[in-house]
Amino acid sequence: METLSELILLLGQFLSDSLNYLMHSISVYIQTSLESISPSSSEISSNAPWSGESYVGRLTGLFFVIIFFGLPIWIVLIVNFFKNRRAKLVHDTLQIALQNGQELSVDVIKSLPGYEGEKKKDSNQAFTTTGTGLGLIFFGLLLFQSLYNPLSGIGALIFFIGLAELVGKYIIQKDRPANV
């Protein structure tokens, strides 16, 4: 818990420093743009690394990359944090109940808030994955007028993952005894 709060504080400090740097860079850019009207200062400011559109473009690209790759990571971290916290609360509740000498049946454990039982994947998910892959293949075919394009390649990957799930389920059900 302490490392998570330190990580959040570090991220906040990074964002604060980045925004301060961005604001300073924008003010310098505006100042150099206004000074470039006079011919004497335009020669001096044109050699500065922060002058021109390339600096703003690079900074925008940098923030886009940080947000594009960082946001999914933060979403996963937040979801896992709350899931682990819920599991810890269930575990603590069970420990307290056992320390007090209470007998716990399966029904009591399942009725606890936050309890997650075994999640079983059904074959509908495999069909959905296969269908999504086929849809992306055909969408890429229609969009690019060629079967060899990145969208169809991603669709083929998803299609084969779904196909592997279907084959795996068929083999598992075939080899499994009837009483299980």
C-alpha atoms as a PDB file:
ATOM      1  CA  MET A   1       0.000   0.000   0.000  1.00  0.00           C
ATOM      2  CA  GLU A   2       2.872   2.324   0.818  1.00  0.00           C
ATOM      3  CA  THR A   3       4.581   1.716  -2.518  1.00  0.00           C
ATOM      4  CA  LEU A   4       1.355   2.514  -4.374  1.00  0.00           C
ATOM      5  CA  SER A   5       1.023   5.857  -2.591  1.00  0.00           C
ATOM      6  CA  GLU A   6       4.681   6.607  -3.336  1.00  0.00           C
ATOM      7  CA  LEU A   7       4.084   5.724  -6.979  1.00  0.00           C
ATOM      8  CA  ILE A   8       1.059   8.027  -7.124  1.00  0.00           C
ATOM      9  CA  LEU A   9       3.021  10.856  -5.513  1.00  0.00           C
ATOM     10  CA  LEU A  10       5.882  10.301  -7.958  1.00  0.00           C
ATOM     11  CA  LEU A  11       3.458  10.369 -10.882  1.00  0.00           C
ATOM     12  CA  GLY A  12       1.880  13.561  -9.557  1.00  0.00           C
ATOM     13  CA  GLN A  13       5.286  15.202  -9.237  1.00  0.00           C
ATOM     14  CA  PHE A  14       6.184  14.084 -12.777  1.00  0.00           C
ATOM     15  CA  LEU A  15       2.947  15.498 -14.179  1.00  0.00           C
ATOM     16  CA  SER A  16       3.426  18.752 -12.275  1.00  0.00           C
ATOM     17  CA  ASP A  17       6.988  19.156 -13.539  1.00  0.00           C
ATOM     18  CA  SER A  18       5.926  18.233 -17.081  1.00  0.00           C
ATOM     19  CA  LEU A  19       3.093  20.771 -17.097  1.00  0.00           C
ATOM     20  CA  ASN A  20       5.387  23.463 -15.682  1.00  0.00           C
ATOM     21  CA  TYR A  21       7.901  22.684 -18.422  1.00  0.00           C
ATOM     22  CA  LEU A  22       5.143  22.736 -21.032  1.00  0.00           C
ATOM     23  CA  MET A  23       3.816  26.088 -19.828  1.00  0.00           C
ATOM     24  CA  HIS A  24       7.330  27.547 -19.778  1.00  0.00           C
ATOM     25  CA  SER A  25       7.987  26.195 -23.268  1.00  0.00           C
ATOM     26  CA  ILE A  26       4.756  27.665 -24.594  1.00  0.00           C
ATOM     27  CA  SER A  27       5.524  31.059 -23.077  1.00  0.00           C
ATOM     28  CA  VAL A  28       9.042  31.003 -24.567  1.00  0.00           C
ATOM     29  CA  TYR A  29       7.581  29.966 -27.928  1.00  0.00           C
ATOM     30  CA  ILE A  30       5.067  32.830 -27.860  1.00  0.00           C
ATOM     31  CA  GLN A  31       7.742  35.263 -26.764  1.00  0.00           C
ATOM     32  CA  THR A  32      10.103  34.216 -29.559  1.00  0.00           C
ATOM     33  CA  SER A  33       7.246  34.374 -32.064  1.00  0.00           C
ATOM     34  CA  LEU A  34       6.463  37.929 -31.010  1.00  0.00           C
ATOM     35  CA  GLU A  35      10.130  38.886 -31.050  1.00  0.00           C
ATOM     36  CA  SER A  36      10.585  37.397 -34.500  1.00  0.00           C
ATOM     37  CA  ILE A  37       8.656  40.346 -35.923  1.00  0.00           C
ATOM     38  CA  SER A  38      11.670  42.575 -35.416  1.00  0.00           C
ATOM     39  CA  PRO A  39      14.498  41.657 -37.823  1.00  0.00           C
ATOM     40  CA  SER A  40      17.260  41.923 -35.226  1.00  0.00           C
ATOM     41  CA  SER A  41      15.863  39.287 -32.876  1.00  0.00           C
ATOM     42  CA  SER A  42      14.679  36.849 -35.545  1.00  0.00           C
ATOM     43  CA  GLU A  43      18.229  35.854 -36.425  1.00  0.00           C
ATOM     44  CA  ILE A  44      19.078  35.199 -32.775  1.00  0.00           C
ATOM     45  CA  SER A  45      15.927  33.232 -31.901  1.00  0.00           C
ATOM     46  CA  SER A  46      15.876  31.097 -35.067  1.00  0.00           C
ATOM     47  CA  ASN A  47      18.882  29.095 -33.856  1.00  0.00           C
ATOM     48  CA  ALA A  48      17.317  28.343 -30.454  1.00  0.00           C
ATOM     49  CA  PRO A  49      16.229  24.708 -29.996  1.00  0.00           C
ATOM     50  CA  TRP A  50      12.745  25.717 -28.794  1.00  0.00           C
ATOM     51  CA  SER A  51      11.855  27.926 -31.729  1.00  0.00           C
ATOM     52  CA  GLY A  52       9.625  26.802 -34.566  1.00  0.00           C
ATOM     53  CA  GLU A  53       6.859  24.267 -35.026  1.00  0.00           C
ATOM     54  CA  SER A  54       9.098  21.217 -34.666  1.00  0.00           C
ATOM     55  CA  TYR A  55       9.464  21.675 -30.895  1.00  0.00           C
ATOM     56  CA  VAL A  56       5.713  21.907 -30.303  1.00  0.00           C
ATOM     57  CA  GLY A  57       5.172  18.945 -32.609  1.00  0.00           C
ATOM     58  CA  ARG A  58       7.758  16.862 -30.757  1.00  0.00           C
ATOM     59  CA  LEU A  59       6.275  17.786 -27.396  1.00  0.00           C
ATOM     60  CA  THR A  60       2.764  16.911 -28.587  1.00  0.00           C
ATOM     61  CA  GLY A  61       4.032  13.606 -29.953  1.00  0.00           C
ATOM     62  CA  LEU A  62       5.775  12.839 -26.676  1.00  0.00           C
ATOM     63  CA  PHE A  63       2.614  13.487 -24.655  1.00  0.00           C
ATOM     64  CA  PHE A  64       0.574  11.401 -27.097  1.00  0.00           C
ATOM     65  CA  VAL A  65       2.950   8.460 -26.712  1.00  0.00           C
ATOM     66  CA  ILE A  66       2.945   8.787 -22.911  1.00  0.00           C
ATOM     67  CA  ILE A  67      -0.847   8.921 -22.790  1.00  0.00           C
ATOM     68  CA  PHE A  68      -1.332   6.204 -25.423  1.00  0.00           C
ATOM     69  CA  PHE A  69       0.902   3.697 -23.656  1.00  0.00           C
ATOM     70  CA  GLY A  70       0.476   4.918 -20.093  1.00  0.00           C
ATOM     71  CA  LEU A  71      -3.312   5.077 -19.874  1.00  0.00           C
ATOM     72  CA  PRO A  72      -3.943   1.357 -20.467  1.00  0.00           C
ATOM     73  CA  ILE A  73      -1.250   0.517 -17.929  1.00  0.00           C
ATOM     74  CA  TRP A  74      -2.903   2.759 -15.333  1.00  0.00           C
ATOM     75  CA  ILE A  75      -6.334   1.278 -16.062  1.00  0.00           C
ATOM     76  CA  VAL A  76      -4.992  -2.244 -15.500  1.00  0.00           C
ATOM     77  CA  LEU A  77      -3.175  -1.159 -12.331  1.00  0.00           C
ATOM     78  CA  ILE A  78      -6.295   0.480 -10.892  1.00  0.00           C
ATOM     79  CA  VAL A  79      -8.528  -2.503 -11.688  1.00  0.00           C
ATOM     80  CA  ASN A  80      -6.031  -4.943 -10.165  1.00  0.00           C
ATOM     81  CA  PHE A  81      -5.578  -2.751  -7.095  1.00  0.00           C
ATOM     82  CA  PHE A  82      -9.288  -2.763  -6.300  1.00  0.00           C
ATOM     83  CA  LYS A  83      -9.644  -6.464  -7.112  1.00  0.00           C
ATOM     84  CA  ASN A  84      -6.767  -7.316  -4.768  1.00  0.00           C
ATOM     85  CA  ARG A  85      -8.194  -5.058  -2.092  1.00  0.00           C
ATOM     86  CA  ARG A  86     -11.566  -6.811  -2.321  1.00  0.00           C
ATOM     87  CA  ALA A  87      -9.880 -10.229  -2.108  1.00  0.00           C
ATOM     88  CA  LYS A  88      -7.872  -9.071   0.920  1.00  0.00           C
ATOM     89  CA  LEU A  89     -11.071  -7.933   2.657  1.00  0.00           C
ATOM     90  CA  VAL A  90     -12.694 -11.333   2.039  1.00  0.00           C
ATOM     91  CA  HIS A  91      -9.566 -13.070   3.313  1.00  0.00           C
ATOM     92  CA  ASP A  92      -9.469 -10.905   6.447  1.00  0.00           C
ATOM     93  CA  THR A  93     -13.168 -11.567   7.087  1.00  0.00           C
ATOM     94  CA  LEU A  94     -12.607 -15.320   6.810  1.00  0.00           C
ATOM     95  CA  GLN A  95      -9.610 -15.153   9.152  1.00  0.00           C
ATOM     96  CA  ILE A  96     -11.610 -13.252  11.777  1.00  0.00           C
ATOM     97  CA  ALA A  97     -14.471 -15.740  11.509  1.00  0.00           C
ATOM     98  CA  LEU A  98     -12.109 -18.692  11.901  1.00  0.00           C
ATOM     99  CA  GLN A  99     -10.369 -17.087  14.874  1.00  0.00           C
ATOM    100  CA  ASN A 100     -13.748 -16.654  16.577  1.00  0.00           C
ATOM    101  CA  GLY A 101     -14.409 -20.361  16.134  1.00  0.00           C
ATOM    102  CA  GLN A 102     -17.209 -20.099  13.578  1.00  0.00           C
ATOM    103  CA  GLU A 103     -17.683 -22.927  11.138  1.00  0.00           C
ATOM    104  CA  LEU A 104     -17.807 -21.785   7.569  1.00  0.00           C
ATOM    105  CA  SER A 105     -19.796 -23.656   4.992  1.00  0.00           C
ATOM    106  CA  VAL A 106     -19.431 -23.225   1.265  1.00  0.00           C
ATOM    107  CA  ASP A 107     -22.726 -21.297   1.113  1.00  0.00           C
ATOM    108  CA  VAL A 108     -21.543 -18.808   3.743  1.00  0.00           C
ATOM    109  CA  ILE A 109     -18.269 -18.218   1.904  1.00  0.00           C
ATOM    110  CA  LYS A 110     -20.067 -17.735  -1.416  1.00  0.00           C
ATOM    111  CA  SER A 111     -22.482 -15.251   0.162  1.00  0.00           C
ATOM    112  CA  LEU A 112     -19.664 -12.952   1.316  1.00  0.00           C
ATOM    113  CA  PRO A 113     -19.504  -9.678  -0.620  1.00  0.00           C
ATOM    114  CA  GLY A 114     -16.509  -9.675  -2.920  1.00  0.00           C
ATOM    115  CA  TYR A 115     -16.283 -13.455  -3.248  1.00  0.00           C
ATOM    116  CA  GLU A 116     -15.445 -14.532  -6.771  1.00  0.00           C
ATOM    117  CA  GLY A 117     -15.959 -18.154  -7.648  1.00  0.00           C
ATOM    118  CA  GLU A 118     -14.387 -20.044 -10.478  1.00  0.00           C
ATOM    119  CA  LYS A 119     -14.943 -18.352 -13.773  1.00  0.00           C
ATOM    120  CA  LYS A 120     -15.705 -20.792 -16.531  1.00  0.00           C
ATOM    121  CA  LYS A 121     -15.237 -19.830 -20.132  1.00  0.00           C
ATOM    122  CA  ASP A 122     -18.015 -21.059 -22.318  1.00  0.00           C
ATOM    123  CA  SER A 123     -17.749 -21.795 -26.002  1.00  0.00           C
ATOM    124  CA  ASN A 124     -19.659 -18.609 -26.826  1.00  0.00           C
ATOM    125  CA  GLN A 125     -16.511 -16.609 -26.087  1.00  0.00           C
ATOM    126  CA  ALA A 126     -14.527 -18.733 -28.533  1.00  0.00           C
ATOM    127  CA  PHE A 127     -17.184 -18.184 -31.217  1.00  0.00           C
ATOM    128  CA  THR A 128     -17.161 -14.447 -30.489  1.00  0.00           C
ATOM    129  CA  THR A 129     -13.360 -14.303 -30.813  1.00  0.00           C
ATOM    130  CA  THR A 130     -13.456 -16.240 -34.076  1.00  0.00           C
ATOM    131  CA  GLY A 131     -16.210 -14.001 -35.448  1.00  0.00           C
ATOM    132  CA  THR A 132     -14.363 -10.847 -34.441  1.00  0.00           C
ATOM    133  CA  GLY A 133     -11.272 -12.090 -36.255  1.00  0.00           C
ATOM    134  CA  LEU A 134     -13.274 -12.851 -39.410  1.00  0.00           C
ATOM    135  CA  GLY A 135     -14.931  -9.436 -39.219  1.00  0.00           C
ATOM    136  CA  LEU A 136     -11.570  -7.690 -39.006  1.00  0.00           C
ATOM    137  CA  ILE A 137     -10.218  -9.734 -41.919  1.00  0.00           C
ATOM    138  CA  PHE A 138     -13.137  -8.744 -44.139  1.00  0.00           C
ATOM    139  CA  PHE A 139     -13.123  -5.140 -42.915  1.00  0.00           C
ATOM    140  CA  GLY A 140      -9.423  -4.881 -43.807  1.00  0.00           C
ATOM    141  CA  LEU A 141     -10.160  -6.479 -47.182  1.00  0.00           C
ATOM    142  CA  LEU A 142     -12.875  -3.925 -47.921  1.00  0.00           C
ATOM    143  CA  LEU A 143     -10.930  -0.976 -46.560  1.00  0.00           C
ATOM    144  CA  PHE A 144      -7.571  -1.626 -48.242  1.00  0.00           C
ATOM    145  CA  GLN A 145      -8.778  -3.605 -51.301  1.00  0.00           C
ATOM    146  CA  SER A 146      -6.111  -6.196 -50.529  1.00  0.00           C
ATOM    147  CA  LEU A 147      -5.935  -9.229 -48.275  1.00  0.00           C
ATOM    148  CA  TYR A 148      -2.374  -8.390 -47.205  1.00  0.00           C
ATOM    149  CA  ASN A 149      -2.828  -5.416 -44.860  1.00  0.00           C
ATOM    150  CA  PRO A 150      -2.270  -4.779 -41.151  1.00  0.00           C
ATOM    151  CA  LEU A 151      -5.953  -4.886 -40.217  1.00  0.00           C
ATOM    152  CA  SER A 152      -6.490  -8.247 -41.883  1.00  0.00           C
ATOM    153  CA  GLY A 153      -3.312  -9.539 -40.222  1.00  0.00           C
ATOM    154  CA  ILE A 154      -4.631  -8.575 -36.783  1.00  0.00           C
ATOM    155  CA  GLY A 155      -7.968 -10.133 -37.714  1.00  0.00           C
ATOM    156  CA  ALA A 156      -6.242 -13.359 -38.751  1.00  0.00           C
ATOM    157  CA  LEU A 157      -4.401 -13.468 -35.423  1.00  0.00           C
ATOM    158  CA  ILE A 158      -7.651 -13.022 -33.476  1.00  0.00           C
ATOM    159  CA  PHE A 159      -9.408 -15.557 -35.714  1.00  0.00           C
ATOM    160  CA  PHE A 160      -6.774 -18.217 -35.067  1.00  0.00           C
ATOM    161  CA  ILE A 161      -6.852 -17.533 -31.322  1.00  0.00           C
ATOM    162  CA  GLY A 162     -10.615 -18.133 -31.362  1.00  0.00           C
ATOM    163  CA  LEU A 163     -10.155 -21.221 -33.515  1.00  0.00           C
ATOM    164  CA  ALA A 164      -7.578 -22.573 -31.060  1.00  0.00           C
ATOM    165  CA  GLU A 165     -10.043 -21.983 -28.195  1.00  0.00           C
ATOM    166  CA  LEU A 166     -12.746 -23.904 -30.071  1.00  0.00           C
ATOM    167  CA  VAL A 167     -10.434 -26.820 -30.884  1.00  0.00           C
ATOM    168  CA  GLY A 168      -9.145 -26.852 -27.319  1.00  0.00           C
ATOM    169  CA  LYS A 169     -12.661 -26.971 -25.913  1.00  0.00           C
ATOM    170  CA  TYR A 170     -13.586 -29.795 -28.282  1.00  0.00           C
ATOM    171  CA  ILE A 171     -10.530 -31.845 -27.298  1.00  0.00           C
ATOM    172  CA  ILE A 172     -11.021 -31.168 -23.581  1.00  0.00           C
ATOM    173  CA  GLN A 173     -14.708 -32.150 -23.705  1.00  0.00           C
ATOM    174  CA  LYS A 174     -13.909 -35.236 -25.734  1.00  0.00           C
ATOM    175  CA  ASP A 175     -11.231 -36.467 -23.306  1.00  0.00           C
ATOM    176  CA  ARG A 176     -13.115 -35.551 -20.130  1.00  0.00           C
ATOM    177  CA  PRO A 177     -15.075 -38.289 -18.347  1.00  0.00           C
ATOM    178  CA  ALA A 178     -18.861 -37.935 -18.346  1.00  0.00           C
ATOM    179  CA  ASN A 179     -19.249 -37.611 -14.556  1.00  0.00           C
ATOM    180  CA  VAL A 180     -17.046 -34.463 -14.293  1.00  0.00           C
END
